[in-house]
N, C-alpha and C. Protein backbone atom coordinates (compact mmCIF):
# COMPACT_ATOMS: atom_id res chain seq x y z
N GLY A 1 -41.52 -11.41 -23.21
CA GLY A 1 -40.69 -10.52 -22.45
C GLY A 1 -40.57 -10.89 -21.00
N ASN A 2 -41.58 -11.53 -20.44
CA ASN A 2 -41.52 -11.91 -19.02
C ASN A 2 -40.46 -12.95 -18.75
N ASN A 3 -39.98 -13.63 -19.80
CA ASN A 3 -39.00 -14.70 -19.62
C ASN A 3 -37.59 -14.28 -19.98
N ILE A 4 -37.38 -13.01 -20.33
CA ILE A 4 -36.06 -12.53 -20.72
C ILE A 4 -35.45 -11.75 -19.55
N THR A 5 -34.22 -12.09 -19.20
CA THR A 5 -33.54 -11.39 -18.11
C THR A 5 -32.67 -10.26 -18.66
N ILE A 6 -32.28 -9.38 -17.77
CA ILE A 6 -31.36 -8.30 -18.16
C ILE A 6 -30.04 -8.91 -18.63
N ARG A 7 -29.59 -9.93 -17.96
CA ARG A 7 -28.34 -10.60 -18.38
C ARG A 7 -28.46 -11.13 -19.80
N GLU A 8 -29.60 -11.72 -20.14
CA GLU A 8 -29.78 -12.25 -21.50
C GLU A 8 -29.81 -11.13 -22.53
N LEU A 9 -30.36 -9.97 -22.17
CA LEU A 9 -30.29 -8.82 -23.07
C LEU A 9 -28.84 -8.41 -23.28
N CYS A 10 -28.08 -8.34 -22.19
CA CYS A 10 -26.68 -7.90 -22.26
C CYS A 10 -25.79 -8.87 -23.04
N ASN A 11 -26.02 -10.16 -22.89
CA ASN A 11 -25.12 -11.09 -23.57
C ASN A 11 -25.72 -11.70 -24.85
N MET A 12 -26.71 -11.00 -25.40
CA MET A 12 -27.29 -11.32 -26.71
C MET A 12 -27.90 -12.71 -26.75
N ARG A 13 -28.54 -13.08 -25.67
CA ARG A 13 -29.20 -14.39 -25.59
C ARG A 13 -30.70 -14.26 -25.36
N SER A 14 -31.26 -13.09 -25.70
CA SER A 14 -32.70 -12.88 -25.53
C SER A 14 -33.51 -13.58 -26.62
N GLY A 15 -32.92 -13.74 -27.80
CA GLY A 15 -33.62 -14.30 -28.94
C GLY A 15 -34.43 -13.27 -29.72
N LEU A 16 -34.42 -12.02 -29.26
CA LEU A 16 -35.23 -10.99 -29.90
C LEU A 16 -34.72 -10.66 -31.30
N PHE A 17 -35.67 -10.43 -32.19
CA PHE A 17 -35.39 -10.08 -33.58
C PHE A 17 -34.61 -8.77 -33.64
N GLU A 18 -33.72 -8.63 -34.62
CA GLU A 18 -32.94 -7.41 -34.82
C GLU A 18 -33.87 -6.28 -35.26
N ALA A 19 -33.99 -5.26 -34.42
CA ALA A 19 -34.91 -4.14 -34.68
C ALA A 19 -34.68 -3.50 -36.04
N TYR A 20 -33.42 -3.33 -36.42
CA TYR A 20 -33.12 -2.62 -37.66
C TYR A 20 -33.35 -3.47 -38.92
N ASP A 21 -33.70 -4.74 -38.74
CA ASP A 21 -34.09 -5.59 -39.86
C ASP A 21 -35.61 -5.71 -39.97
N SER A 22 -36.33 -4.98 -39.16
CA SER A 22 -37.80 -5.04 -39.19
C SER A 22 -38.30 -4.58 -40.54
N PRO A 23 -39.32 -5.25 -41.09
CA PRO A 23 -39.82 -4.91 -42.42
C PRO A 23 -40.37 -3.48 -42.53
N GLN A 24 -40.71 -2.86 -41.42
CA GLN A 24 -41.21 -1.48 -41.46
C GLN A 24 -40.19 -0.53 -42.08
N PHE A 25 -38.91 -0.81 -41.91
CA PHE A 25 -37.87 0.06 -42.46
C PHE A 25 -37.86 0.03 -43.99
N ASP A 26 -38.22 -1.11 -44.57
CA ASP A 26 -38.25 -1.20 -46.03
C ASP A 26 -39.33 -0.31 -46.64
N ARG A 27 -40.34 -0.01 -45.85
CA ARG A 27 -41.45 0.81 -46.35
C ARG A 27 -41.29 2.29 -46.01
N MET A 28 -40.18 2.66 -45.39
CA MET A 28 -39.98 4.04 -44.96
C MET A 28 -38.94 4.75 -45.82
N ASN A 29 -39.07 6.04 -45.90
CA ASN A 29 -38.04 6.88 -46.50
C ASN A 29 -37.32 7.55 -45.32
N VAL A 30 -36.31 6.88 -44.81
CA VAL A 30 -35.59 7.38 -43.65
C VAL A 30 -34.61 8.46 -44.09
N THR A 31 -34.69 9.60 -43.45
CA THR A 31 -33.77 10.71 -43.70
C THR A 31 -33.08 11.05 -42.39
N PRO A 32 -32.01 11.83 -42.44
CA PRO A 32 -31.34 12.22 -41.20
C PRO A 32 -32.26 12.96 -40.22
N GLN A 33 -33.33 13.55 -40.72
CA GLN A 33 -34.25 14.31 -39.87
C GLN A 33 -35.39 13.44 -39.31
N THR A 34 -35.51 12.20 -39.76
CA THR A 34 -36.57 11.32 -39.28
C THR A 34 -36.39 11.11 -37.78
N LYS A 35 -37.47 11.22 -37.04
CA LYS A 35 -37.43 11.03 -35.58
C LYS A 35 -37.96 9.64 -35.24
N PHE A 36 -37.28 8.96 -34.37
CA PHE A 36 -37.68 7.64 -33.93
C PHE A 36 -37.80 7.60 -32.42
N ASP A 37 -38.76 6.85 -31.94
CA ASP A 37 -38.92 6.57 -30.52
C ASP A 37 -38.48 5.12 -30.33
N PRO A 38 -37.59 4.84 -29.39
CA PRO A 38 -37.12 3.45 -29.24
C PRO A 38 -38.27 2.47 -28.99
N ARG A 39 -39.33 2.93 -28.32
CA ARG A 39 -40.46 2.03 -28.06
C ARG A 39 -41.11 1.57 -29.38
N THR A 40 -41.18 2.46 -30.34
CA THR A 40 -41.75 2.10 -31.64
C THR A 40 -40.87 1.09 -32.34
N VAL A 41 -39.57 1.35 -32.36
CA VAL A 41 -38.63 0.45 -33.05
C VAL A 41 -38.60 -0.91 -32.37
N ILE A 42 -38.61 -0.92 -31.04
CA ILE A 42 -38.67 -2.19 -30.29
C ILE A 42 -39.97 -2.92 -30.63
N GLY A 43 -41.07 -2.16 -30.69
CA GLY A 43 -42.36 -2.76 -31.03
C GLY A 43 -42.33 -3.46 -32.38
N TRP A 44 -41.68 -2.84 -33.36
CA TRP A 44 -41.56 -3.48 -34.67
C TRP A 44 -40.78 -4.79 -34.56
N ALA A 45 -39.73 -4.78 -33.74
CA ALA A 45 -38.90 -5.98 -33.60
C ALA A 45 -39.68 -7.11 -32.93
N VAL A 46 -40.42 -6.80 -31.89
CA VAL A 46 -41.11 -7.88 -31.16
C VAL A 46 -42.35 -8.38 -31.90
N GLU A 47 -42.75 -7.70 -32.97
CA GLU A 47 -43.81 -8.22 -33.84
C GLU A 47 -43.29 -9.39 -34.68
N GLN A 48 -41.97 -9.48 -34.80
CA GLN A 48 -41.34 -10.53 -35.60
C GLN A 48 -41.09 -11.76 -34.73
N LYS A 49 -41.00 -12.88 -35.41
CA LYS A 49 -40.72 -14.13 -34.70
C LYS A 49 -39.33 -14.07 -34.07
N PRO A 50 -39.20 -14.43 -32.79
CA PRO A 50 -37.87 -14.46 -32.17
C PRO A 50 -36.97 -15.49 -32.86
N TYR A 51 -35.69 -15.30 -32.73
CA TYR A 51 -34.73 -16.24 -33.30
C TYR A 51 -34.76 -17.57 -32.56
N PHE A 52 -34.99 -17.50 -31.26
CA PHE A 52 -35.00 -18.69 -30.40
C PHE A 52 -35.58 -18.27 -29.05
N PRO A 53 -35.95 -19.22 -28.19
CA PRO A 53 -36.41 -18.86 -26.85
C PRO A 53 -35.26 -18.25 -26.04
N PRO A 54 -35.57 -17.41 -25.05
CA PRO A 54 -34.52 -16.80 -24.23
C PRO A 54 -33.52 -17.83 -23.69
N ASN A 55 -32.25 -17.46 -23.80
CA ASN A 55 -31.11 -18.23 -23.30
C ASN A 55 -30.91 -19.58 -24.01
N LYS A 56 -31.46 -19.72 -25.21
CA LYS A 56 -31.30 -20.97 -25.97
C LYS A 56 -30.39 -20.79 -27.17
N GLY A 57 -29.68 -19.67 -27.25
CA GLY A 57 -28.78 -19.43 -28.36
C GLY A 57 -28.17 -18.05 -28.25
N TYR A 58 -27.45 -17.67 -29.27
CA TYR A 58 -26.80 -16.36 -29.34
C TYR A 58 -27.17 -15.72 -30.67
N HIS A 59 -27.55 -14.46 -30.63
CA HIS A 59 -27.74 -13.67 -31.84
C HIS A 59 -27.60 -12.21 -31.46
N TYR A 60 -26.61 -11.53 -32.06
CA TYR A 60 -26.41 -10.11 -31.77
C TYR A 60 -27.62 -9.35 -32.28
N SER A 61 -28.25 -8.58 -31.40
CA SER A 61 -29.45 -7.84 -31.76
C SER A 61 -29.46 -6.50 -31.04
N ASN A 62 -29.48 -5.42 -31.82
CA ASN A 62 -29.54 -4.08 -31.24
C ASN A 62 -30.82 -3.83 -30.46
N THR A 63 -31.84 -4.65 -30.69
CA THR A 63 -33.08 -4.55 -29.90
C THR A 63 -32.75 -4.65 -28.42
N ASN A 64 -31.79 -5.51 -28.08
CA ASN A 64 -31.39 -5.67 -26.68
C ASN A 64 -30.90 -4.34 -26.09
N TYR A 65 -30.06 -3.63 -26.82
CA TYR A 65 -29.52 -2.37 -26.32
C TYR A 65 -30.59 -1.30 -26.23
N LEU A 66 -31.53 -1.29 -27.18
CA LEU A 66 -32.63 -0.32 -27.09
C LEU A 66 -33.46 -0.56 -25.83
N ILE A 67 -33.73 -1.83 -25.53
CA ILE A 67 -34.48 -2.16 -24.32
C ILE A 67 -33.67 -1.81 -23.08
N LEU A 68 -32.38 -2.12 -23.08
CA LEU A 68 -31.54 -1.78 -21.93
C LEU A 68 -31.53 -0.27 -21.68
N GLY A 69 -31.54 0.52 -22.74
CA GLY A 69 -31.62 1.97 -22.58
C GLY A 69 -32.90 2.38 -21.88
N LEU A 70 -34.02 1.77 -22.23
CA LEU A 70 -35.29 2.08 -21.56
C LEU A 70 -35.27 1.63 -20.10
N ILE A 71 -34.60 0.53 -19.83
CA ILE A 71 -34.48 0.06 -18.44
C ILE A 71 -33.67 1.06 -17.63
N VAL A 72 -32.55 1.55 -18.18
CA VAL A 72 -31.74 2.56 -17.49
C VAL A 72 -32.61 3.77 -17.17
N GLU A 73 -33.40 4.22 -18.13
CA GLU A 73 -34.24 5.40 -17.92
C GLU A 73 -35.33 5.14 -16.88
N ALA A 74 -35.90 3.94 -16.88
CA ALA A 74 -36.94 3.61 -15.89
C ALA A 74 -36.37 3.54 -14.48
N VAL A 75 -35.19 2.96 -14.34
CA VAL A 75 -34.58 2.80 -13.02
C VAL A 75 -34.05 4.12 -12.47
N THR A 76 -33.47 4.95 -13.33
CA THR A 76 -32.83 6.18 -12.87
C THR A 76 -33.75 7.41 -12.94
N HIS A 77 -34.87 7.28 -13.64
CA HIS A 77 -35.76 8.44 -13.88
C HIS A 77 -34.98 9.57 -14.55
N ASP A 78 -34.12 9.18 -15.48
CA ASP A 78 -33.24 10.12 -16.16
C ASP A 78 -32.99 9.57 -17.57
N THR A 79 -32.40 10.37 -18.43
CA THR A 79 -32.10 9.90 -19.78
C THR A 79 -30.80 9.08 -19.79
N VAL A 80 -30.72 8.20 -20.76
CA VAL A 80 -29.48 7.43 -20.94
C VAL A 80 -28.33 8.40 -21.18
N ALA A 81 -28.56 9.40 -22.01
CA ALA A 81 -27.51 10.37 -22.33
C ALA A 81 -26.95 11.02 -21.06
N HIS A 82 -27.83 11.46 -20.16
CA HIS A 82 -27.36 12.12 -18.94
C HIS A 82 -26.66 11.12 -18.01
N GLN A 83 -27.15 9.91 -17.93
CA GLN A 83 -26.51 8.90 -17.08
C GLN A 83 -25.11 8.57 -17.60
N ILE A 84 -24.96 8.46 -18.90
CA ILE A 84 -23.63 8.19 -19.48
C ILE A 84 -22.70 9.36 -19.19
N GLN A 85 -23.20 10.57 -19.37
CA GLN A 85 -22.40 11.76 -19.09
C GLN A 85 -21.96 11.79 -17.62
N LYS A 86 -22.91 11.60 -16.73
CA LYS A 86 -22.68 11.71 -15.29
C LYS A 86 -21.82 10.56 -14.73
N ARG A 87 -22.08 9.34 -15.20
CA ARG A 87 -21.41 8.17 -14.62
C ARG A 87 -20.13 7.74 -15.31
N LEU A 88 -19.97 8.15 -16.57
CA LEU A 88 -18.80 7.67 -17.33
C LEU A 88 -17.96 8.79 -17.93
N LEU A 89 -18.58 9.64 -18.73
CA LEU A 89 -17.80 10.63 -19.46
C LEU A 89 -17.13 11.64 -18.55
N GLN A 90 -17.86 12.19 -17.60
CA GLN A 90 -17.25 13.18 -16.69
C GLN A 90 -16.23 12.55 -15.75
N PRO A 91 -16.57 11.48 -15.02
CA PRO A 91 -15.58 10.93 -14.09
C PRO A 91 -14.29 10.43 -14.74
N PHE A 92 -14.39 9.96 -15.98
CA PHE A 92 -13.22 9.41 -16.65
C PHE A 92 -12.61 10.39 -17.65
N HIS A 93 -13.06 11.63 -17.59
CA HIS A 93 -12.49 12.73 -18.38
C HIS A 93 -12.48 12.41 -19.88
N LEU A 94 -13.59 11.89 -20.37
CA LEU A 94 -13.75 11.59 -21.79
C LEU A 94 -14.45 12.78 -22.44
N SER A 95 -13.71 13.87 -22.56
CA SER A 95 -14.28 15.15 -22.98
C SER A 95 -14.59 15.22 -24.48
N GLU A 96 -14.06 14.29 -25.27
CA GLU A 96 -14.32 14.29 -26.71
C GLU A 96 -15.29 13.17 -27.10
N THR A 97 -16.06 12.71 -26.12
CA THR A 97 -17.05 11.67 -26.34
C THR A 97 -18.41 12.23 -25.95
N SER A 98 -19.42 11.89 -26.73
CA SER A 98 -20.76 12.39 -26.41
C SER A 98 -21.83 11.43 -26.89
N TYR A 99 -23.01 11.63 -26.36
CA TYR A 99 -24.22 10.93 -26.76
C TYR A 99 -25.07 12.00 -27.43
N PRO A 100 -24.91 12.20 -28.74
CA PRO A 100 -25.51 13.35 -29.40
C PRO A 100 -27.02 13.27 -29.53
N ASP A 101 -27.63 14.45 -29.64
CA ASP A 101 -29.07 14.49 -29.90
C ASP A 101 -29.36 15.22 -31.22
N THR A 102 -28.29 15.54 -31.96
CA THR A 102 -28.45 16.14 -33.29
C THR A 102 -27.49 15.44 -34.25
N GLN A 103 -27.63 15.72 -35.53
CA GLN A 103 -26.76 15.14 -36.55
C GLN A 103 -25.39 15.82 -36.61
N ALA A 104 -25.22 16.93 -35.92
CA ALA A 104 -23.96 17.69 -35.99
C ALA A 104 -22.80 16.83 -35.51
N MET A 105 -21.71 16.90 -36.25
CA MET A 105 -20.50 16.16 -35.88
C MET A 105 -19.38 17.14 -35.59
N PRO A 106 -18.59 16.87 -34.54
CA PRO A 106 -17.44 17.74 -34.28
C PRO A 106 -16.37 17.53 -35.35
N ALA A 107 -15.69 18.59 -35.69
CA ALA A 107 -14.63 18.49 -36.70
C ALA A 107 -13.30 18.24 -36.00
N PRO A 108 -12.41 17.49 -36.58
CA PRO A 108 -12.59 16.72 -37.80
C PRO A 108 -13.31 15.40 -37.49
N TRP A 109 -13.90 14.80 -38.50
CA TRP A 109 -14.53 13.49 -38.31
C TRP A 109 -14.38 12.63 -39.55
N ALA A 110 -14.37 11.33 -39.34
CA ALA A 110 -14.19 10.39 -40.45
C ALA A 110 -15.51 10.19 -41.17
N ARG A 111 -15.45 10.12 -42.47
CA ARG A 111 -16.64 9.87 -43.29
C ARG A 111 -16.91 8.37 -43.32
N GLY A 112 -18.15 8.02 -43.52
CA GLY A 112 -18.54 6.62 -43.62
C GLY A 112 -18.95 6.28 -45.03
N TYR A 113 -18.62 5.08 -45.48
CA TYR A 113 -18.95 4.66 -46.84
C TYR A 113 -19.61 3.30 -46.82
N GLY A 114 -20.51 3.10 -47.74
CA GLY A 114 -21.20 1.82 -47.89
C GLY A 114 -21.46 1.56 -49.37
N LEU A 115 -21.83 0.33 -49.67
CA LEU A 115 -22.12 -0.05 -51.06
C LEU A 115 -23.57 0.25 -51.37
N ASP A 116 -23.81 0.87 -52.53
CA ASP A 116 -25.19 1.11 -52.96
C ASP A 116 -25.72 -0.15 -53.64
N LYS A 117 -26.93 -0.08 -54.19
CA LYS A 117 -27.57 -1.24 -54.81
C LYS A 117 -26.79 -1.76 -56.01
N SER A 118 -25.99 -0.89 -56.64
CA SER A 118 -25.17 -1.30 -57.79
C SER A 118 -23.77 -1.72 -57.38
N LYS A 119 -23.54 -1.84 -56.08
CA LYS A 119 -22.24 -2.25 -55.52
C LYS A 119 -21.16 -1.19 -55.73
N ASN A 120 -21.57 0.07 -55.82
CA ASN A 120 -20.62 1.18 -55.90
C ASN A 120 -20.54 1.83 -54.52
N TRP A 121 -19.34 2.29 -54.19
CA TRP A 121 -19.16 2.95 -52.89
C TRP A 121 -19.83 4.32 -52.92
N GLU A 122 -20.54 4.63 -51.82
CA GLU A 122 -21.15 5.94 -51.67
C GLU A 122 -20.93 6.44 -50.25
N ASP A 123 -20.85 7.75 -50.12
CA ASP A 123 -20.69 8.39 -48.82
C ASP A 123 -22.03 8.30 -48.09
N VAL A 124 -22.05 7.60 -46.97
CA VAL A 124 -23.28 7.45 -46.19
C VAL A 124 -23.22 8.23 -44.87
N SER A 125 -22.24 9.12 -44.78
CA SER A 125 -22.08 9.93 -43.58
C SER A 125 -23.35 10.72 -43.31
N ASN A 126 -23.72 10.77 -42.06
CA ASN A 126 -24.88 11.55 -41.60
C ASN A 126 -26.19 11.17 -42.29
N THR A 127 -26.32 9.92 -42.70
CA THR A 127 -27.58 9.48 -43.31
C THR A 127 -28.48 8.75 -42.33
N ILE A 128 -27.94 8.28 -41.24
CA ILE A 128 -28.73 7.58 -40.23
C ILE A 128 -29.13 8.58 -39.16
N PRO A 129 -30.43 8.73 -38.90
CA PRO A 129 -30.83 9.69 -37.86
C PRO A 129 -30.34 9.26 -36.48
N VAL A 130 -29.81 10.19 -35.73
CA VAL A 130 -29.26 9.88 -34.41
C VAL A 130 -30.34 9.29 -33.50
N SER A 131 -31.59 9.69 -33.68
CA SER A 131 -32.66 9.17 -32.82
C SER A 131 -32.92 7.69 -33.09
N LEU A 132 -32.52 7.18 -34.24
CA LEU A 132 -32.71 5.77 -34.55
C LEU A 132 -31.75 4.91 -33.74
N MET A 133 -30.55 5.36 -33.56
CA MET A 133 -29.53 4.55 -32.89
C MET A 133 -29.75 4.49 -31.37
N GLY A 134 -30.00 5.63 -30.75
CA GLY A 134 -30.25 5.64 -29.31
C GLY A 134 -29.23 4.83 -28.53
N ALA A 135 -29.70 4.06 -27.57
CA ALA A 135 -28.83 3.28 -26.70
C ALA A 135 -28.12 2.15 -27.44
N ALA A 136 -28.45 1.95 -28.70
CA ALA A 136 -27.80 0.90 -29.49
C ALA A 136 -26.58 1.42 -30.24
N GLY A 137 -26.20 2.68 -30.03
CA GLY A 137 -24.97 3.12 -30.67
C GLY A 137 -24.91 4.57 -31.09
N ALA A 138 -25.58 5.45 -30.40
CA ALA A 138 -25.58 6.86 -30.79
C ALA A 138 -24.31 7.61 -30.41
N MET A 139 -23.42 7.01 -29.67
CA MET A 139 -22.27 7.74 -29.16
C MET A 139 -21.22 8.00 -30.24
N ILE A 140 -20.53 9.13 -30.06
CA ILE A 140 -19.41 9.48 -30.93
C ILE A 140 -18.21 9.82 -30.05
N SER A 141 -17.01 9.61 -30.60
CA SER A 141 -15.80 9.81 -29.81
C SER A 141 -14.62 10.04 -30.74
N ASP A 142 -13.56 10.61 -30.18
CA ASP A 142 -12.32 10.69 -30.96
C ASP A 142 -11.43 9.51 -30.57
N MET A 143 -10.35 9.33 -31.32
CA MET A 143 -9.49 8.16 -31.10
C MET A 143 -8.83 8.15 -29.73
N ALA A 144 -8.42 9.30 -29.23
CA ALA A 144 -7.77 9.35 -27.92
C ALA A 144 -8.74 8.90 -26.82
N ASP A 145 -9.98 9.40 -26.87
CA ASP A 145 -10.97 8.98 -25.87
C ASP A 145 -11.30 7.50 -26.02
N MET A 146 -11.39 7.01 -27.26
CA MET A 146 -11.69 5.59 -27.46
C MET A 146 -10.58 4.72 -26.88
N LYS A 147 -9.35 5.10 -27.10
CA LYS A 147 -8.22 4.34 -26.55
C LYS A 147 -8.27 4.37 -25.02
N ARG A 148 -8.53 5.54 -24.47
CA ARG A 148 -8.62 5.66 -23.01
C ARG A 148 -9.76 4.81 -22.46
N TRP A 149 -10.94 4.87 -23.11
CA TRP A 149 -12.09 4.11 -22.64
C TRP A 149 -11.81 2.60 -22.68
N ILE A 150 -11.25 2.12 -23.78
CA ILE A 150 -10.99 0.69 -23.89
C ILE A 150 -10.04 0.24 -22.79
N THR A 151 -9.00 1.00 -22.54
CA THR A 151 -8.06 0.65 -21.47
C THR A 151 -8.77 0.63 -20.11
N LEU A 152 -9.54 1.66 -19.82
CA LEU A 152 -10.27 1.72 -18.55
C LEU A 152 -11.25 0.55 -18.42
N TYR A 153 -11.98 0.28 -19.50
CA TYR A 153 -13.03 -0.73 -19.47
C TYR A 153 -12.48 -2.14 -19.29
N VAL A 154 -11.51 -2.51 -20.10
CA VAL A 154 -11.01 -3.89 -20.04
C VAL A 154 -10.15 -4.16 -18.81
N THR A 155 -9.64 -3.11 -18.19
CA THR A 155 -8.85 -3.33 -16.96
C THR A 155 -9.71 -3.20 -15.71
N GLY A 156 -11.01 -2.99 -15.87
CA GLY A 156 -11.92 -2.98 -14.73
C GLY A 156 -11.99 -1.67 -13.97
N LYS A 157 -11.49 -0.59 -14.54
CA LYS A 157 -11.49 0.70 -13.83
C LYS A 157 -12.86 1.39 -13.87
N THR A 158 -13.77 0.94 -14.73
CA THR A 158 -15.06 1.61 -14.89
C THR A 158 -16.17 1.01 -14.04
N SER A 159 -15.86 -0.03 -13.29
CA SER A 159 -16.89 -0.67 -12.47
C SER A 159 -16.27 -1.35 -11.26
N ALA A 160 -17.12 -1.75 -10.36
CA ALA A 160 -16.67 -2.49 -9.18
C ALA A 160 -16.10 -3.84 -9.63
N PRO A 161 -15.21 -4.44 -8.83
CA PRO A 161 -14.61 -5.72 -9.24
C PRO A 161 -15.63 -6.82 -9.58
N ALA A 162 -16.68 -6.95 -8.79
CA ALA A 162 -17.68 -7.99 -9.07
C ALA A 162 -18.41 -7.72 -10.38
N THR A 163 -18.69 -6.46 -10.66
CA THR A 163 -19.35 -6.10 -11.91
C THR A 163 -18.44 -6.38 -13.09
N HIS A 164 -17.16 -6.01 -12.95
CA HIS A 164 -16.20 -6.26 -14.03
C HIS A 164 -16.08 -7.76 -14.29
N LYS A 165 -16.03 -8.54 -13.24
CA LYS A 165 -15.95 -10.00 -13.40
C LYS A 165 -17.16 -10.51 -14.18
N ALA A 166 -18.35 -10.00 -13.87
CA ALA A 166 -19.56 -10.41 -14.60
C ALA A 166 -19.50 -9.96 -16.05
N LEU A 167 -18.98 -8.76 -16.31
CA LEU A 167 -18.88 -8.25 -17.68
C LEU A 167 -18.05 -9.16 -18.56
N VAL A 168 -16.94 -9.65 -18.01
CA VAL A 168 -16.01 -10.44 -18.81
C VAL A 168 -16.20 -11.95 -18.64
N ASP A 169 -17.28 -12.35 -17.99
CA ASP A 169 -17.62 -13.76 -17.90
C ASP A 169 -18.26 -14.14 -19.23
N CYS A 170 -17.42 -14.52 -20.17
CA CYS A 170 -17.84 -14.68 -21.56
C CYS A 170 -18.38 -16.09 -21.82
N VAL A 171 -19.49 -16.11 -22.55
CA VAL A 171 -20.17 -17.35 -22.89
C VAL A 171 -19.95 -17.62 -24.38
N PRO A 172 -19.54 -18.83 -24.75
CA PRO A 172 -19.35 -19.13 -26.18
C PRO A 172 -20.63 -18.86 -26.97
N THR A 173 -20.45 -18.30 -28.17
CA THR A 173 -21.60 -17.97 -29.03
C THR A 173 -22.02 -19.13 -29.91
N GLY A 174 -21.13 -20.13 -30.06
CA GLY A 174 -21.40 -21.21 -30.99
C GLY A 174 -20.89 -20.89 -32.39
N GLU A 175 -20.27 -19.71 -32.54
CA GLU A 175 -19.72 -19.27 -33.82
C GLU A 175 -18.19 -19.27 -33.70
N GLY A 176 -17.58 -20.36 -34.08
CA GLY A 176 -16.12 -20.46 -33.98
C GLY A 176 -15.67 -20.35 -32.54
N ASN A 177 -14.62 -19.56 -32.31
CA ASN A 177 -14.11 -19.38 -30.96
C ASN A 177 -14.62 -18.07 -30.33
N LEU A 178 -15.69 -17.49 -30.87
CA LEU A 178 -16.23 -16.25 -30.36
C LEU A 178 -17.03 -16.48 -29.08
N ALA A 179 -16.95 -15.50 -28.19
CA ALA A 179 -17.73 -15.53 -26.95
C ALA A 179 -18.23 -14.11 -26.69
N PHE A 180 -19.23 -13.99 -25.84
CA PHE A 180 -19.81 -12.69 -25.56
C PHE A 180 -20.08 -12.59 -24.07
N GLY A 181 -19.63 -11.47 -23.48
CA GLY A 181 -19.90 -11.19 -22.08
C GLY A 181 -21.14 -10.31 -21.97
N LEU A 182 -21.16 -9.43 -21.00
CA LEU A 182 -22.30 -8.53 -20.84
C LEU A 182 -22.05 -7.26 -21.64
N GLY A 183 -22.52 -7.25 -22.88
CA GLY A 183 -22.30 -6.12 -23.76
C GLY A 183 -20.88 -6.04 -24.27
N LEU A 184 -20.18 -7.13 -24.28
CA LEU A 184 -18.76 -7.15 -24.62
C LEU A 184 -18.42 -8.40 -25.42
N GLY A 185 -17.94 -8.20 -26.65
CA GLY A 185 -17.45 -9.35 -27.42
C GLY A 185 -16.12 -9.78 -26.87
N CYS A 186 -15.91 -11.07 -26.77
CA CYS A 186 -14.68 -11.59 -26.16
C CYS A 186 -13.87 -12.36 -27.20
């Protein structure tokens, strides 16, 4: 960890193992009510062999976002949820977007489907505990807010010009013509 930078976490070049692929999950009966602490999930990930040394490759890993969430909380002495609300959702009037702390979903909402072990489609809506996702993807939004956010984000309205330039300074991933900026696929 002493050799990984915040930039490497943001652009998926930390080499850290994917937290949600940790073998501990195979031994658990995860329910929507299961509570997770990001430190525990990160701990499981760092027990695994890294994919590569920091900045020596690209691998999308939600472990990076979980760590970034803890960094935000350490620097601001506040929760990620409150910082997102205060710095992004309120100023940009994204009133149908939230960082939930319960499984409750606002109506109407789209159902999610996945393949079961027999390759049959099953409704997997509300099966992942919100505490598991945390800074790696706990947010929910409606289509209008998503469209507004994407427009604001890619046109640089959500950050200072130098920060926006850094966000979109995309580095090739080595996978076809794909590149990744700071938390942004290019």
